[in-house]
Amino acid sequence: MGETPSFKKSGETVTQPMDSVNRKIASSSKRGLIQAAGLMGGMTLSSRILGMIRDIFSAKSFGTTWQWDSFIYAFLLPNFFRRLIGEGALSSAFIPVYSEIHHRDGQAEAFRYANGVITVVSSILLAVLLAVEIFLNVILRNVVVPERLTLTLDLLRFLFPYLWFMSLYALGMGILHCHRHFFTPAWGPIILDVVWIAGLVWIVPHVGSDLGVQLRWLSLVILISGLFQFAVEIPPLVQRGFRFSLVWDWGHSGLVKSFRLFLPSVLSFAVIQINILVDMTLGFIIGPGANSSLWYGTRLMQFPLGVFAIAMGTALLPMMSDQTARQELDKAQKTLSFALRSVFLIILPSSVGLAVLRVPIIQLLFERGEFDAVSTARTAMVLLAYTIGLFGFSGQKILAAGFYALQDPRTPVKIGILAVLVNFILNILLMGPMREAGLALATSASGILQFLILMFLYRRKVSSFSISDLLRSFSKILFASVLMGFFGVACFEFLKCYVPGNHTRELLVQVMGSIVLSAGVYIVFCLVLRVREMQEAFRWLLKRPVDATVSDEG
């Protein structure tokens, strides 16, 4: 009897430090994820700003001409594979296996595995690219096709080799990410944008007035940017002891496992891009200007998606793969939940803001030169349709990373196939009455469907994953975002009265003033509604310890 109190006291003495350690671990994991995503998000933000400048120059120079439609479609194909390789299937199949080999067999064996993947992938891709180049040349010399398609095929001859450099860049990025080096790979998109802008400013104006010739030179500039993107990764790779070498070991267990993960993951990670590719293909049927409207609407939609959601997903995969390799599944699902809630904190207000201010934003950015008021109206409808599904696009990116960290590619690919089929059916139904906006709406609907099903299935796979926590956070953040949207509209109308006009200077004050004030109001609404993700963000920024209850929920 007398020992009972001392036993309880002893238990408290033992468990309390363990709780403290767990809190520090949870807080450290979150800080690491936020810092990695923040670094990549900052670099991606720079790229998106440069990309917007690039699009402003492009819109002014080429407008919505049929030549620009051809270039967009020709660029879309290698860009599709760039996103697939750089942000999707190849990295998702490579990183978990590399992490596993690194933990189990050491760095030397991990480097050997990486060189084996680089050797096989680059060789296969080189053979495919040579076949494509031969095929394109045969078609152009022997088959009579419409002028718009002729220019598209001609531009593809310059743009397809870009994929070879991007495959090397993606694998180098995967190695560096596994070693927690995110800075250098994040320069890739920035290099593309800088070289593209330089081509528009210093080369395109000096090669004649023919738009087709100008676009051929621009395509060559993009190809050169691929070499630069890969080259910047070589110094940090060498610094970490990696050396490129040919390793022909087709039977390597890691290589076999990567290709088993890669083949089915292609579709699941590329669903958004496949849907956009389908949209652009059907846009040719709708007529001139449809593809241009889809392009500019997509670019605006992907601004918040790329700045935070893709950055978070890219930083999330190596962290979850490492936790899974260490059999820390509970910590991995908490990391995933935190990533989703953090993405919603940014994506939902961004969606509402783009929706309510879509017309003045497009006017400010693009309406000049060849881009007229009709182009603005068409692009605004496309953007509105895309913003509806923005949370679904970002959420499925995060959830897919969760499945791939568990080395389960089958579930995402099945849902990806379903999403593609739904998108195609809705495209056919909506493109008649809504034209290109119907194509964008179909893409949003399929993206939301994919996200919801993936979340349900992940909950079944990982029983400790809390959907109720996500719904609670989602509801609060959405409510704060809607309130922000009403304030944003009122603020814009107020500024229009005091700073009237539709020129760039007036629009800049109206739009940026509304965005800045709305962002401040959104933060206040989140704090009033006790949105814990916003509270955590403030604690992290102020370097305060995160409350244990907050850290361990969801």
Protein backbone atom coordinates (compact mmCIF):
# COMPACT_ATOMS: atom_id res chain seq x y z
CA MET A 1 0.00 0.00 0.00
CA GLY A 2 2.75 2.38 0.94
CA GLU A 3 4.53 1.74 -2.36
CA THR A 4 1.62 2.69 -4.55
CA PRO A 5 2.13 6.45 -4.45
CA SER A 6 5.83 6.10 -5.16
CA PHE A 7 5.04 3.83 -8.14
CA LYS A 8 2.68 6.41 -9.64
CA LYS A 9 5.16 9.14 -8.97
CA SER A 10 7.87 7.10 -10.59
CA GLY A 11 5.64 6.52 -13.60
CA GLU A 12 5.03 10.22 -13.93
CA THR A 13 8.73 10.88 -13.68
CA VAL A 14 9.43 8.43 -16.50
CA THR A 15 6.61 9.33 -18.88
CA GLN A 16 6.87 13.07 -18.63
CA PRO A 17 10.32 13.32 -20.25
CA MET A 18 9.16 10.87 -22.94
CA ASP A 19 6.19 13.12 -23.72
CA SER A 20 8.58 16.04 -23.89
CA VAL A 21 10.84 14.13 -26.27
CA ASN A 22 7.87 13.19 -28.48
CA ARG A 23 6.75 16.79 -28.60
CA LYS A 24 10.23 17.90 -29.65
CA ILE A 25 10.36 15.20 -32.33
CA ALA A 26 6.94 16.17 -33.70
CA SER A 27 7.84 19.84 -33.61
CA SER A 28 11.22 19.15 -35.25
CA SER A 29 9.59 17.12 -38.05
CA LYS A 30 7.12 19.91 -38.73
CA ARG A 31 9.83 22.55 -38.67
CA GLY A 32 11.89 20.51 -41.10
CA LEU A 33 8.95 20.07 -43.45
CA ILE A 34 7.96 23.74 -43.23
CA GLN A 35 11.54 24.90 -43.76
CA ALA A 36 12.06 22.61 -46.75
CA ALA A 37 8.68 23.52 -48.26
CA GLY A 38 9.27 27.18 -47.41
CA LEU A 39 12.65 27.21 -49.18
CA MET A 40 11.24 25.47 -52.23
CA GLY A 41 8.11 27.59 -52.08
CA GLY A 42 10.22 30.74 -52.04
CA MET A 43 12.22 29.56 -55.02
CA THR A 44 9.04 28.46 -56.78
CA LEU A 45 7.47 31.84 -56.03
CA SER A 46 10.44 33.49 -57.73
CA SER A 47 9.96 31.17 -60.68
CA ARG A 48 6.23 31.88 -60.84
CA ILE A 49 6.86 35.63 -60.80
CA LEU A 50 9.42 35.26 -63.57
CA GLY A 51 7.01 32.94 -65.38
CA MET A 52 4.31 35.58 -65.15
CA ILE A 53 6.70 38.17 -66.59
CA ARG A 54 7.48 35.65 -69.34
CA ASP A 55 3.78 35.21 -70.08
CA ILE A 56 3.24 38.99 -70.13
CA PHE A 57 5.93 39.34 -72.80
CA SER A 58 4.54 36.36 -74.70
CA ALA A 59 0.96 37.66 -74.63
CA LYS A 60 2.05 41.05 -75.87
CA SER A 61 4.15 39.59 -78.68
CA PHE A 62 1.96 36.71 -79.90
CA GLY A 63 -1.51 37.31 -78.42
CA THR A 64 -4.00 34.58 -79.32
CA THR A 65 -2.78 33.98 -82.88
CA TRP A 66 -2.92 30.53 -84.46
CA GLN A 67 0.89 30.46 -84.40
CA TRP A 68 0.84 30.88 -80.62
CA ASP A 69 -1.79 28.13 -80.37
CA SER A 70 0.62 25.85 -82.25
CA PHE A 71 3.54 26.76 -80.01
CA ILE A 72 1.47 26.19 -76.85
CA TYR A 73 0.53 22.70 -77.98
CA ALA A 74 4.09 21.88 -79.08
CA PHE A 75 5.49 23.11 -75.77
CA LEU A 76 2.77 21.32 -73.81
CA LEU A 77 3.98 17.85 -74.82
CA PRO A 78 7.57 18.12 -73.47
CA ASN A 79 6.28 20.24 -70.60
CA PHE A 80 3.86 17.43 -69.75
CA PHE A 81 6.74 14.98 -69.55
CA ARG A 82 8.85 17.51 -67.66
CA ARG A 83 6.23 17.72 -64.94
CA LEU A 84 5.74 13.98 -65.03
CA ILE A 85 9.48 13.32 -64.68
CA GLY A 86 10.55 16.27 -62.56
CA GLU A 87 7.59 16.48 -60.19
CA GLY A 88 5.95 13.10 -60.45
CA ALA A 89 6.50 9.50 -61.41
CA LEU A 90 10.27 9.25 -61.85
CA SER A 91 11.07 11.09 -58.62
CA SER A 92 8.32 9.22 -56.78
CA ALA A 93 9.67 5.86 -57.90
CA PHE A 94 13.31 6.83 -57.31
CA ILE A 95 13.27 8.61 -53.93
CA PRO A 96 11.69 5.90 -51.71
CA VAL A 97 14.01 3.19 -53.09
CA TYR A 98 17.08 5.43 -52.85
CA SER A 99 16.21 6.26 -49.21
CA GLU A 100 15.72 2.59 -48.41
CA ILE A 101 19.07 1.55 -49.96
CA HIS A 102 20.87 4.46 -48.33
CA HIS A 103 19.60 3.48 -44.86
CA ARG A 104 20.12 -0.25 -45.37
CA ASP A 105 23.31 -0.53 -47.45
CA GLY A 106 25.05 2.80 -47.15
CA GLN A 107 25.87 5.74 -49.42
CA ALA A 108 28.17 3.91 -51.84
CA GLU A 109 25.48 1.39 -52.77
CA ALA A 110 22.87 4.15 -53.03
CA PHE A 111 25.13 6.03 -55.46
CA ARG A 112 25.64 2.87 -57.50
CA TYR A 113 21.88 2.35 -57.67
CA ALA A 114 21.41 5.98 -58.74
CA ASN A 115 23.96 5.63 -61.54
CA GLY A 116 22.19 2.47 -62.68
CA VAL A 117 18.88 4.33 -62.92
CA ILE A 118 20.51 7.28 -64.70
CA THR A 119 22.19 4.96 -67.22
CA VAL A 120 19.02 3.03 -68.06
CA VAL A 121 16.62 5.99 -68.12
CA SER A 122 18.84 8.28 -70.18
CA SER A 123 19.62 5.51 -72.68
CA ILE A 124 15.97 4.51 -73.17
CA LEU A 125 14.88 8.12 -73.44
CA LEU A 126 17.62 8.91 -75.96
CA ALA A 127 16.46 6.04 -78.18
CA VAL A 128 12.84 7.23 -77.94
CA LEU A 129 13.81 10.81 -78.81
CA LEU A 130 15.77 9.69 -81.88
CA ALA A 131 12.74 7.69 -83.05
CA VAL A 132 10.46 10.71 -82.52
CA GLU A 133 12.82 13.00 -84.45
CA ILE A 134 12.92 10.56 -87.38
CA PHE A 135 9.13 10.21 -87.33
CA LEU A 136 8.57 13.98 -87.30
CA ASN A 137 10.96 14.53 -90.21
CA VAL A 138 9.26 11.83 -92.28
CA ILE A 139 5.81 13.35 -91.62
CA LEU A 140 6.92 16.88 -92.46
CA ARG A 141 8.60 15.83 -95.73
CA ASN A 142 6.03 13.39 -97.03
CA VAL A 143 2.59 14.26 -95.65
CA VAL A 144 0.53 17.37 -96.42
CA VAL A 145 -1.09 18.66 -93.23
CA PRO A 146 -2.78 21.97 -92.28
CA GLU A 147 -0.48 24.92 -91.67
CA ARG A 148 -1.17 25.06 -87.94
CA LEU A 149 -0.31 21.36 -87.50
CA THR A 150 2.79 21.73 -89.70
CA LEU A 151 4.16 24.44 -87.41
CA THR A 152 3.32 22.34 -84.34
CA LEU A 153 5.25 19.33 -85.66
CA ASP A 154 8.16 21.51 -86.72
CA LEU A 155 8.41 23.08 -83.25
CA LEU A 156 8.33 19.62 -81.65
CA ARG A 157 11.62 18.79 -83.38
CA PHE A 158 13.27 21.47 -81.24
CA LEU A 159 11.31 20.89 -78.03
CA PHE A 160 11.30 17.11 -77.60
CA PRO A 161 15.09 16.75 -76.94
CA TYR A 162 14.47 19.00 -73.92
CA LEU A 163 13.16 15.85 -72.20
CA TRP A 164 16.59 14.19 -72.14
CA PHE A 165 18.07 17.01 -70.07
CA MET A 166 14.98 17.04 -67.84
CA SER A 167 15.33 13.32 -67.05
CA LEU A 168 18.90 13.88 -65.83
CA TYR A 169 17.80 16.97 -63.94
CA ALA A 170 14.97 15.03 -62.23
CA LEU A 171 17.24 12.22 -61.05
CA GLY A 172 19.85 14.67 -59.79
CA MET A 173 17.07 16.49 -57.96
CA GLY A 174 15.94 13.22 -56.37
CA ILE A 175 19.44 12.46 -55.05
CA LEU A 176 19.85 15.96 -53.62
CA HIS A 177 16.39 15.89 -52.02
CA CYS A 178 17.22 12.60 -50.27
CA HIS A 179 20.28 14.35 -48.81
CA ARG A 180 18.00 17.22 -47.69
CA HIS A 181 19.45 19.65 -50.21
CA PHE A 182 16.52 21.51 -51.79
CA PHE A 183 18.08 24.82 -52.81
CA THR A 184 19.95 24.01 -56.03
CA PRO A 185 17.26 21.85 -57.72
CA ALA A 186 14.75 24.64 -57.10
CA TRP A 187 16.76 26.80 -59.54
CA GLY A 188 15.59 24.69 -62.50
CA PRO A 189 12.32 26.48 -63.27
CA ILE A 190 13.96 29.85 -62.60
CA ILE A 191 16.63 29.10 -65.20
CA LEU A 192 13.94 28.15 -67.73
CA ASP A 193 12.08 31.41 -67.14
CA VAL A 194 15.20 33.60 -67.28
CA VAL A 195 16.43 32.02 -70.52
CA TRP A 196 12.92 32.21 -72.03
CA ILE A 197 12.60 35.92 -71.17
CA ALA A 198 16.08 36.57 -72.56
CA GLY A 199 15.06 34.87 -75.79
CA LEU A 200 11.91 36.99 -76.06
CA VAL A 201 13.82 40.22 -75.40
CA TRP A 202 17.14 39.73 -77.21
CA ILE A 203 16.59 37.08 -79.90
CA VAL A 204 12.98 36.95 -81.08
CA PRO A 205 12.78 40.65 -82.14
CA HIS A 206 15.91 40.28 -84.30
CA VAL A 207 15.05 37.21 -86.41
CA GLY A 208 12.40 38.80 -88.63
CA SER A 209 8.69 39.50 -88.42
CA ASP A 210 7.45 36.02 -89.29
CA LEU A 211 5.86 34.57 -86.13
CA GLY A 212 6.70 31.00 -87.14
CA VAL A 213 10.41 31.81 -87.44
CA GLN A 214 10.35 33.66 -84.12
CA LEU A 215 8.77 30.67 -82.39
CA ARG A 216 11.34 28.28 -83.88
CA TRP A 217 14.13 30.35 -82.34
CA LEU A 218 12.25 30.49 -79.04
CA SER A 219 12.00 26.68 -79.06
CA LEU A 220 15.77 26.42 -79.55
CA VAL A 221 16.29 28.75 -76.58
CA ILE A 222 14.12 26.48 -74.40
CA LEU A 223 16.19 23.46 -75.43
CA ILE A 224 19.39 25.24 -74.36
CA SER A 225 17.81 26.06 -70.99
CA GLY A 226 17.49 22.31 -70.32
CA LEU A 227 21.27 21.94 -70.46
CA PHE A 228 21.70 24.79 -68.00
CA GLN A 229 19.13 23.33 -65.56
CA PHE A 230 20.99 20.03 -65.37
CA ALA A 231 24.43 21.65 -65.20
CA VAL A 232 23.72 23.61 -61.99
CA GLU A 233 23.10 20.36 -60.09
CA ILE A 234 26.52 18.88 -60.83
CA PRO A 235 28.54 20.90 -58.23
CA PRO A 236 26.37 19.98 -55.18
CA LEU A 237 26.23 16.35 -56.33
CA VAL A 238 30.02 16.20 -56.59
CA GLN A 239 30.31 17.96 -53.23
CA ARG A 240 28.34 15.08 -51.66
CA GLY A 241 30.64 12.48 -53.19
CA PHE A 242 28.51 11.49 -56.17
CA ARG A 243 30.24 10.73 -59.47
CA PHE A 244 28.44 9.99 -62.73
CA SER A 245 29.33 6.61 -64.25
CA LEU A 246 27.73 4.05 -66.56
CA VAL A 247 26.27 1.16 -64.54
CA TRP A 248 24.60 -1.54 -66.63
CA ASP A 249 22.99 -3.65 -63.94
CA TRP A 250 19.48 -4.41 -65.17
CA GLY A 251 18.95 -7.02 -62.47
CA HIS A 252 19.71 -4.71 -59.54
CA SER A 253 16.93 -5.19 -56.98
CA GLY A 254 16.57 -1.46 -56.45
CA LEU A 255 16.31 -0.82 -60.19
CA VAL A 256 13.66 -3.51 -60.58
CA LYS A 257 11.68 -2.09 -57.66
CA SER A 258 11.91 1.45 -59.08
CA PHE A 259 10.55 0.41 -62.44
CA ARG A 260 7.74 -1.51 -60.76
CA LEU A 261 6.86 1.71 -58.97
CA PHE A 262 7.45 3.91 -62.02
CA LEU A 263 5.32 2.20 -64.64
CA PRO A 264 2.00 2.40 -62.77
CA SER A 265 2.84 5.75 -61.18
CA VAL A 266 3.09 7.51 -64.54
CA LEU A 267 -0.66 7.91 -64.86
CA SER A 268 -1.50 8.58 -61.23
CA PHE A 269 0.94 11.47 -60.92
CA ALA A 270 0.20 12.85 -64.35
CA VAL A 271 -3.60 13.02 -64.12
CA ILE A 272 -3.72 16.81 -63.92
CA GLN A 273 -1.31 17.11 -66.83
CA ILE A 274 -3.12 14.44 -68.87
CA ASN A 275 -6.37 16.28 -68.31
CA ILE A 276 -4.78 19.55 -69.43
CA LEU A 277 -3.34 17.77 -72.48
CA VAL A 278 -6.80 16.43 -73.34
CA ASP A 279 -8.21 19.94 -72.83
CA MET A 280 -5.67 21.43 -75.22
CA THR A 281 -6.29 18.73 -77.83
CA LEU A 282 -10.04 19.34 -77.72
CA GLY A 283 -9.29 23.07 -77.79
CA PHE A 284 -8.11 22.62 -81.38
CA ILE A 285 -11.61 21.41 -82.21
CA ILE A 286 -13.24 24.40 -80.51
CA GLY A 287 -11.22 26.83 -82.64
CA PRO A 288 -8.61 29.61 -82.54
CA GLY A 289 -8.07 31.25 -79.18
CA ALA A 290 -9.34 28.33 -77.10
CA ASN A 291 -5.89 26.92 -76.41
CA SER A 292 -4.54 30.37 -75.60
CA SER A 293 -7.33 30.97 -73.08
CA LEU A 294 -6.70 27.57 -71.50
CA TRP A 295 -2.96 28.28 -71.38
CA TYR A 296 -3.24 31.61 -69.58
CA GLY A 297 -5.97 30.33 -67.26
CA THR A 298 -3.81 27.33 -66.39
CA ARG A 299 -0.80 29.53 -65.74
CA LEU A 300 -2.74 31.65 -63.23
CA MET A 301 -4.28 28.57 -61.60
CA GLN A 302 -0.88 26.92 -61.20
CA PHE A 303 0.65 29.97 -59.53
CA PRO A 304 -0.55 29.09 -55.99
CA LEU A 305 -0.45 25.38 -56.80
CA GLY A 306 3.24 25.54 -57.67
CA VAL A 307 4.30 27.99 -55.00
CA PHE A 308 3.13 25.88 -52.08
CA ALA A 309 1.30 22.65 -52.95
CA ILE A 310 3.91 21.20 -55.30
CA ALA A 311 6.72 22.54 -53.10
CA MET A 312 5.15 20.88 -50.05
CA GLY A 313 4.58 17.63 -51.95
CA THR A 314 8.17 17.56 -53.19
CA ALA A 315 9.56 18.17 -49.70
CA LEU A 316 7.05 15.72 -48.20
CA LEU A 317 8.00 12.62 -50.21
CA PRO A 318 11.62 12.19 -49.05
CA MET A 319 10.62 12.96 -45.45
CA MET A 320 7.76 10.42 -45.44
CA SER A 321 9.93 7.89 -47.28
CA ASP A 322 12.57 8.26 -44.58
CA GLN A 323 9.98 7.89 -41.80
CA THR A 324 8.47 4.85 -43.52
CA ALA A 325 11.91 3.26 -44.02
CA ARG A 326 12.42 3.64 -40.26
CA GLN A 327 8.99 2.03 -39.63
CA GLU A 328 7.69 5.28 -38.08
CA LEU A 329 4.26 4.98 -39.73
CA ASP A 330 2.40 6.95 -37.07
CA LYS A 331 4.76 9.88 -37.51
CA ALA A 332 4.43 9.61 -41.31
CA GLN A 333 0.62 9.91 -41.25
CA LYS A 334 0.87 12.91 -38.89
CA THR A 335 3.30 14.50 -41.33
CA LEU A 336 0.85 13.91 -44.18
CA SER A 337 -2.09 15.36 -42.26
CA PHE A 338 -0.07 18.42 -41.31
CA ALA A 339 0.98 18.90 -44.95
CA LEU A 340 -2.63 18.75 -46.17
CA ARG A 341 -3.88 21.21 -43.57
CA SER A 342 -1.01 23.58 -44.29
CA VAL A 343 -1.71 23.45 -48.03
CA PHE A 344 -5.40 24.21 -47.47
CA LEU A 345 -4.38 27.26 -45.43
CA ILE A 346 -2.80 28.73 -48.57
CA ILE A 347 -4.76 27.17 -51.44
CA LEU A 348 -8.33 27.94 -50.32
CA PRO A 349 -7.89 31.72 -49.94
CA SER A 350 -5.86 31.76 -53.15
CA SER A 351 -8.73 30.04 -54.98
CA VAL A 352 -11.32 32.47 -53.65
CA GLY A 353 -9.10 35.46 -54.40
CA LEU A 354 -8.46 34.35 -58.00
CA ALA A 355 -12.17 33.70 -58.50
CA VAL A 356 -13.48 37.06 -57.28
CA LEU A 357 -10.70 39.20 -58.80
CA ARG A 358 -10.12 37.17 -61.97
CA VAL A 359 -11.06 39.88 -64.49
CA PRO A 360 -8.94 42.75 -63.09
CA ILE A 361 -6.03 40.36 -62.49
CA ILE A 362 -6.07 39.24 -66.14
CA GLN A 363 -6.48 42.83 -67.33
CA LEU A 364 -3.49 43.91 -65.25
CA LEU A 365 -1.24 41.08 -66.40
CA PHE A 366 -2.11 40.39 -70.02
CA GLU A 367 -4.48 42.90 -71.64
CA ARG A 368 -2.09 44.78 -73.88
CA GLY A 369 -0.76 44.44 -77.43
CA GLU A 370 -2.28 41.39 -79.12
CA PHE A 371 -4.22 40.36 -75.99
CA ASP A 372 -7.57 42.18 -76.13
CA ALA A 373 -10.76 42.41 -74.04
CA VAL A 374 -12.26 39.32 -75.69
CA SER A 375 -9.18 37.35 -74.69
CA THR A 376 -9.60 38.63 -71.12
CA ALA A 377 -13.24 37.52 -70.96
CA ARG A 378 -12.47 34.03 -72.29
CA THR A 379 -9.48 33.55 -70.01
CA ALA A 380 -11.48 34.76 -66.98
CA MET A 381 -14.12 32.05 -67.52
CA VAL A 382 -11.41 29.40 -67.79
CA LEU A 383 -9.72 30.65 -64.62
CA LEU A 384 -12.98 30.59 -62.66
CA ALA A 385 -13.56 26.97 -63.68
CA TYR A 386 -10.03 25.99 -62.69
CA THR A 387 -10.16 27.66 -59.25
CA ILE A 388 -13.06 25.40 -58.24
CA GLY A 389 -10.77 22.38 -58.33
CA LEU A 390 -7.57 23.95 -57.05
CA PHE A 391 -7.85 22.38 -53.60
CA GLY A 392 -8.41 18.99 -55.23
CA PHE A 393 -5.31 19.35 -57.44
CA SER A 394 -3.13 20.25 -54.46
CA GLY A 395 -4.66 17.65 -52.14
CA GLN A 396 -4.21 14.75 -54.52
CA LYS A 397 -0.56 15.74 -55.01
CA ILE A 398 0.01 15.46 -51.25
CA LEU A 399 -1.98 12.22 -50.87
CA ALA A 400 -0.22 10.59 -53.80
CA ALA A 401 3.09 11.26 -52.04
CA GLY A 402 1.67 9.44 -49.03
CA PHE A 403 0.85 6.35 -51.09
CA TYR A 404 4.24 6.35 -52.78
CA ALA A 405 6.06 6.68 -49.48
CA LEU A 406 4.31 3.40 -48.60
CA GLN A 407 5.48 2.06 -52.00
CA ASP A 408 1.87 1.52 -53.05
CA PRO A 409 1.52 2.75 -56.65
CA ARG A 410 -1.52 0.64 -57.52
CA THR A 411 -4.11 2.60 -55.57
CA PRO A 412 -3.28 6.04 -57.05
CA VAL A 413 -3.09 4.64 -60.59
CA LYS A 414 -6.55 3.06 -60.38
CA ILE A 415 -8.02 6.34 -59.17
CA GLY A 416 -6.00 8.19 -61.81
CA ILE A 417 -7.54 6.11 -64.58
CA LEU A 418 -11.00 6.82 -63.21
CA ALA A 419 -10.26 10.56 -63.05
CA VAL A 420 -9.05 10.63 -66.66
CA LEU A 421 -12.20 8.85 -67.85
CA VAL A 422 -14.45 11.19 -65.86
CA ASN A 423 -12.60 14.20 -67.26
CA PHE A 424 -12.98 12.99 -70.84
CA ILE A 425 -16.71 12.30 -70.46
CA LEU A 426 -17.33 15.69 -68.84
CA ASN A 427 -15.24 17.37 -71.56
CA ILE A 428 -17.52 15.98 -74.26
CA LEU A 429 -20.63 17.05 -72.33
CA LEU A 430 -19.45 20.57 -71.41
CA MET A 431 -17.34 21.75 -74.36
CA GLY A 432 -20.44 22.41 -76.48
CA PRO A 433 -22.34 24.80 -74.19
CA MET A 434 -19.33 26.24 -72.31
CA ARG A 435 -16.54 25.95 -74.91
CA GLU A 436 -13.05 26.06 -73.35
CA ALA A 437 -14.45 26.94 -69.89
CA GLY A 438 -16.29 23.61 -69.98
CA LEU A 439 -12.98 21.83 -70.54
CA ALA A 440 -11.49 23.55 -67.48
CA LEU A 441 -14.54 22.75 -65.36
CA ALA A 442 -14.32 19.07 -66.31
CA THR A 443 -10.67 19.04 -65.22
CA SER A 444 -11.60 20.56 -61.85
CA ALA A 445 -14.40 18.05 -61.27
CA SER A 446 -12.15 15.09 -62.01
CA GLY A 447 -9.41 16.51 -59.76
CA ILE A 448 -11.81 16.88 -56.82
CA LEU A 449 -13.11 13.35 -57.36
CA GLN A 450 -9.58 11.95 -57.38
CA PHE A 451 -8.67 13.78 -54.18
CA LEU A 452 -11.76 12.63 -52.26
CA ILE A 453 -11.34 8.99 -53.25
CA LEU A 454 -7.61 9.00 -52.44
CA MET A 455 -8.31 10.50 -49.02
CA PHE A 456 -10.95 7.85 -48.28
CA LEU A 457 -8.67 5.00 -49.37
CA TYR A 458 -5.66 6.35 -47.46
CA ARG A 459 -7.82 6.42 -44.34
CA ARG A 460 -8.67 2.76 -44.92
CA LYS A 461 -5.00 1.93 -45.41
CA VAL A 462 -3.72 3.92 -42.43
CA SER A 463 -6.41 3.67 -39.75
CA SER A 464 -4.82 6.33 -37.52
CA PHE A 465 -5.20 8.97 -40.26
CA SER A 466 -7.92 11.38 -39.08
CA ILE A 467 -10.31 12.67 -41.75
CA SER A 468 -12.45 14.47 -39.16
CA ASP A 469 -9.49 16.66 -38.25
CA LEU A 470 -9.02 17.56 -41.91
CA LEU A 471 -12.71 18.36 -42.37
CA ARG A 472 -12.72 20.58 -39.31
CA SER A 473 -9.70 22.53 -40.53
CA PHE A 474 -10.99 22.64 -44.12
CA SER A 475 -14.38 24.05 -43.00
CA LYS A 476 -12.86 26.78 -40.88
CA ILE A 477 -10.34 27.79 -43.54
CA LEU A 478 -13.01 27.78 -46.27
CA PHE A 479 -15.33 29.95 -44.17
CA ALA A 480 -12.52 32.44 -43.50
CA SER A 481 -11.67 32.42 -47.22
CA VAL A 482 -15.26 33.15 -48.28
CA LEU A 483 -15.47 36.04 -45.82
CA MET A 484 -12.17 37.28 -47.25
CA GLY A 485 -13.64 37.04 -50.76
CA PHE A 486 -16.57 39.32 -49.90
CA PHE A 487 -14.16 41.78 -48.32
CA GLY A 488 -11.89 41.60 -51.38
CA VAL A 489 -14.73 42.52 -53.77
CA ALA A 490 -15.81 45.42 -51.56
CA CYS A 491 -12.23 46.60 -51.23
CA PHE A 492 -11.71 46.50 -55.01
CA GLU A 493 -14.86 48.54 -55.65
CA PHE A 494 -13.79 51.03 -52.99
CA LEU A 495 -10.35 51.45 -54.58
CA LYS A 496 -11.90 51.83 -58.03
CA CYS A 497 -13.81 54.85 -56.74
CA TYR A 498 -10.72 56.51 -55.27
CA VAL A 499 -8.24 55.41 -57.93
CA PRO A 500 -10.38 55.30 -61.09
CA GLY A 501 -9.12 54.06 -64.44
CA ASN A 502 -8.19 50.88 -66.32
CA HIS A 503 -4.57 51.62 -67.15
CA THR A 504 -1.74 49.55 -65.70
CA ARG A 505 -0.93 51.99 -62.91
CA GLU A 506 -4.53 52.26 -61.69
CA LEU A 507 -5.15 48.52 -62.03
CA LEU A 508 -1.97 47.79 -60.08
CA VAL A 509 -3.18 49.91 -57.15
CA GLN A 510 -6.69 48.42 -57.30
CA VAL A 511 -5.63 44.78 -57.57
CA MET A 512 -2.57 44.77 -55.31
CA GLY A 513 -4.29 46.94 -52.72
CA SER A 514 -7.25 44.54 -52.61
CA ILE A 515 -4.96 41.49 -52.37
CA VAL A 516 -2.81 42.91 -49.56
CA LEU A 517 -5.77 44.11 -47.50
CA SER A 518 -7.68 40.87 -48.09
CA ALA A 519 -4.69 38.79 -46.99
CA GLY A 520 -4.52 40.74 -43.74
CA VAL A 521 -8.24 40.29 -43.14
CA TYR A 522 -7.95 36.58 -43.89
CA ILE A 523 -5.28 36.17 -41.22
CA VAL A 524 -7.53 37.96 -38.72
CA PHE A 525 -10.52 35.75 -39.62
CA CYS A 526 -8.38 32.62 -39.19
CA LEU A 527 -7.21 33.74 -35.76
CA VAL A 528 -10.75 34.63 -34.68
CA LEU A 529 -12.00 31.23 -35.86
CA ARG A 530 -9.08 29.55 -34.05
CA VAL A 531 -7.68 27.91 -37.18
CA ARG A 532 -4.85 26.02 -35.54
CA GLU A 533 -2.72 25.91 -38.70
CA MET A 534 -2.56 29.71 -38.63
CA GLN A 535 -1.77 29.60 -34.92
CA GLU A 536 1.03 27.13 -35.57
CA ALA A 537 2.37 29.33 -38.35
CA PHE A 538 2.57 32.29 -35.96
CA ARG A 539 4.22 30.17 -33.25
CA TRP A 540 6.76 28.88 -35.75
CA LEU A 541 7.52 32.37 -37.07
CA LEU A 542 7.93 33.66 -33.53
CA LYS A 543 10.11 30.62 -32.63
CA ARG A 544 7.77 29.58 -29.83
CA PRO A 545 7.32 25.91 -28.88
CA VAL A 546 4.27 24.31 -30.49
CA ASP A 547 1.62 23.10 -28.07
CA ALA A 548 1.66 19.33 -27.68
CA THR A 549 -2.04 18.98 -28.39
CA VAL A 550 -1.70 20.87 -31.61
CA SER A 551 1.40 18.96 -32.63
CA ASP A 552 -0.11 15.53 -32.20
CA GLU A 553 -3.57 16.05 -33.63
CA GLY A 554 -4.25 14.72 -37.07
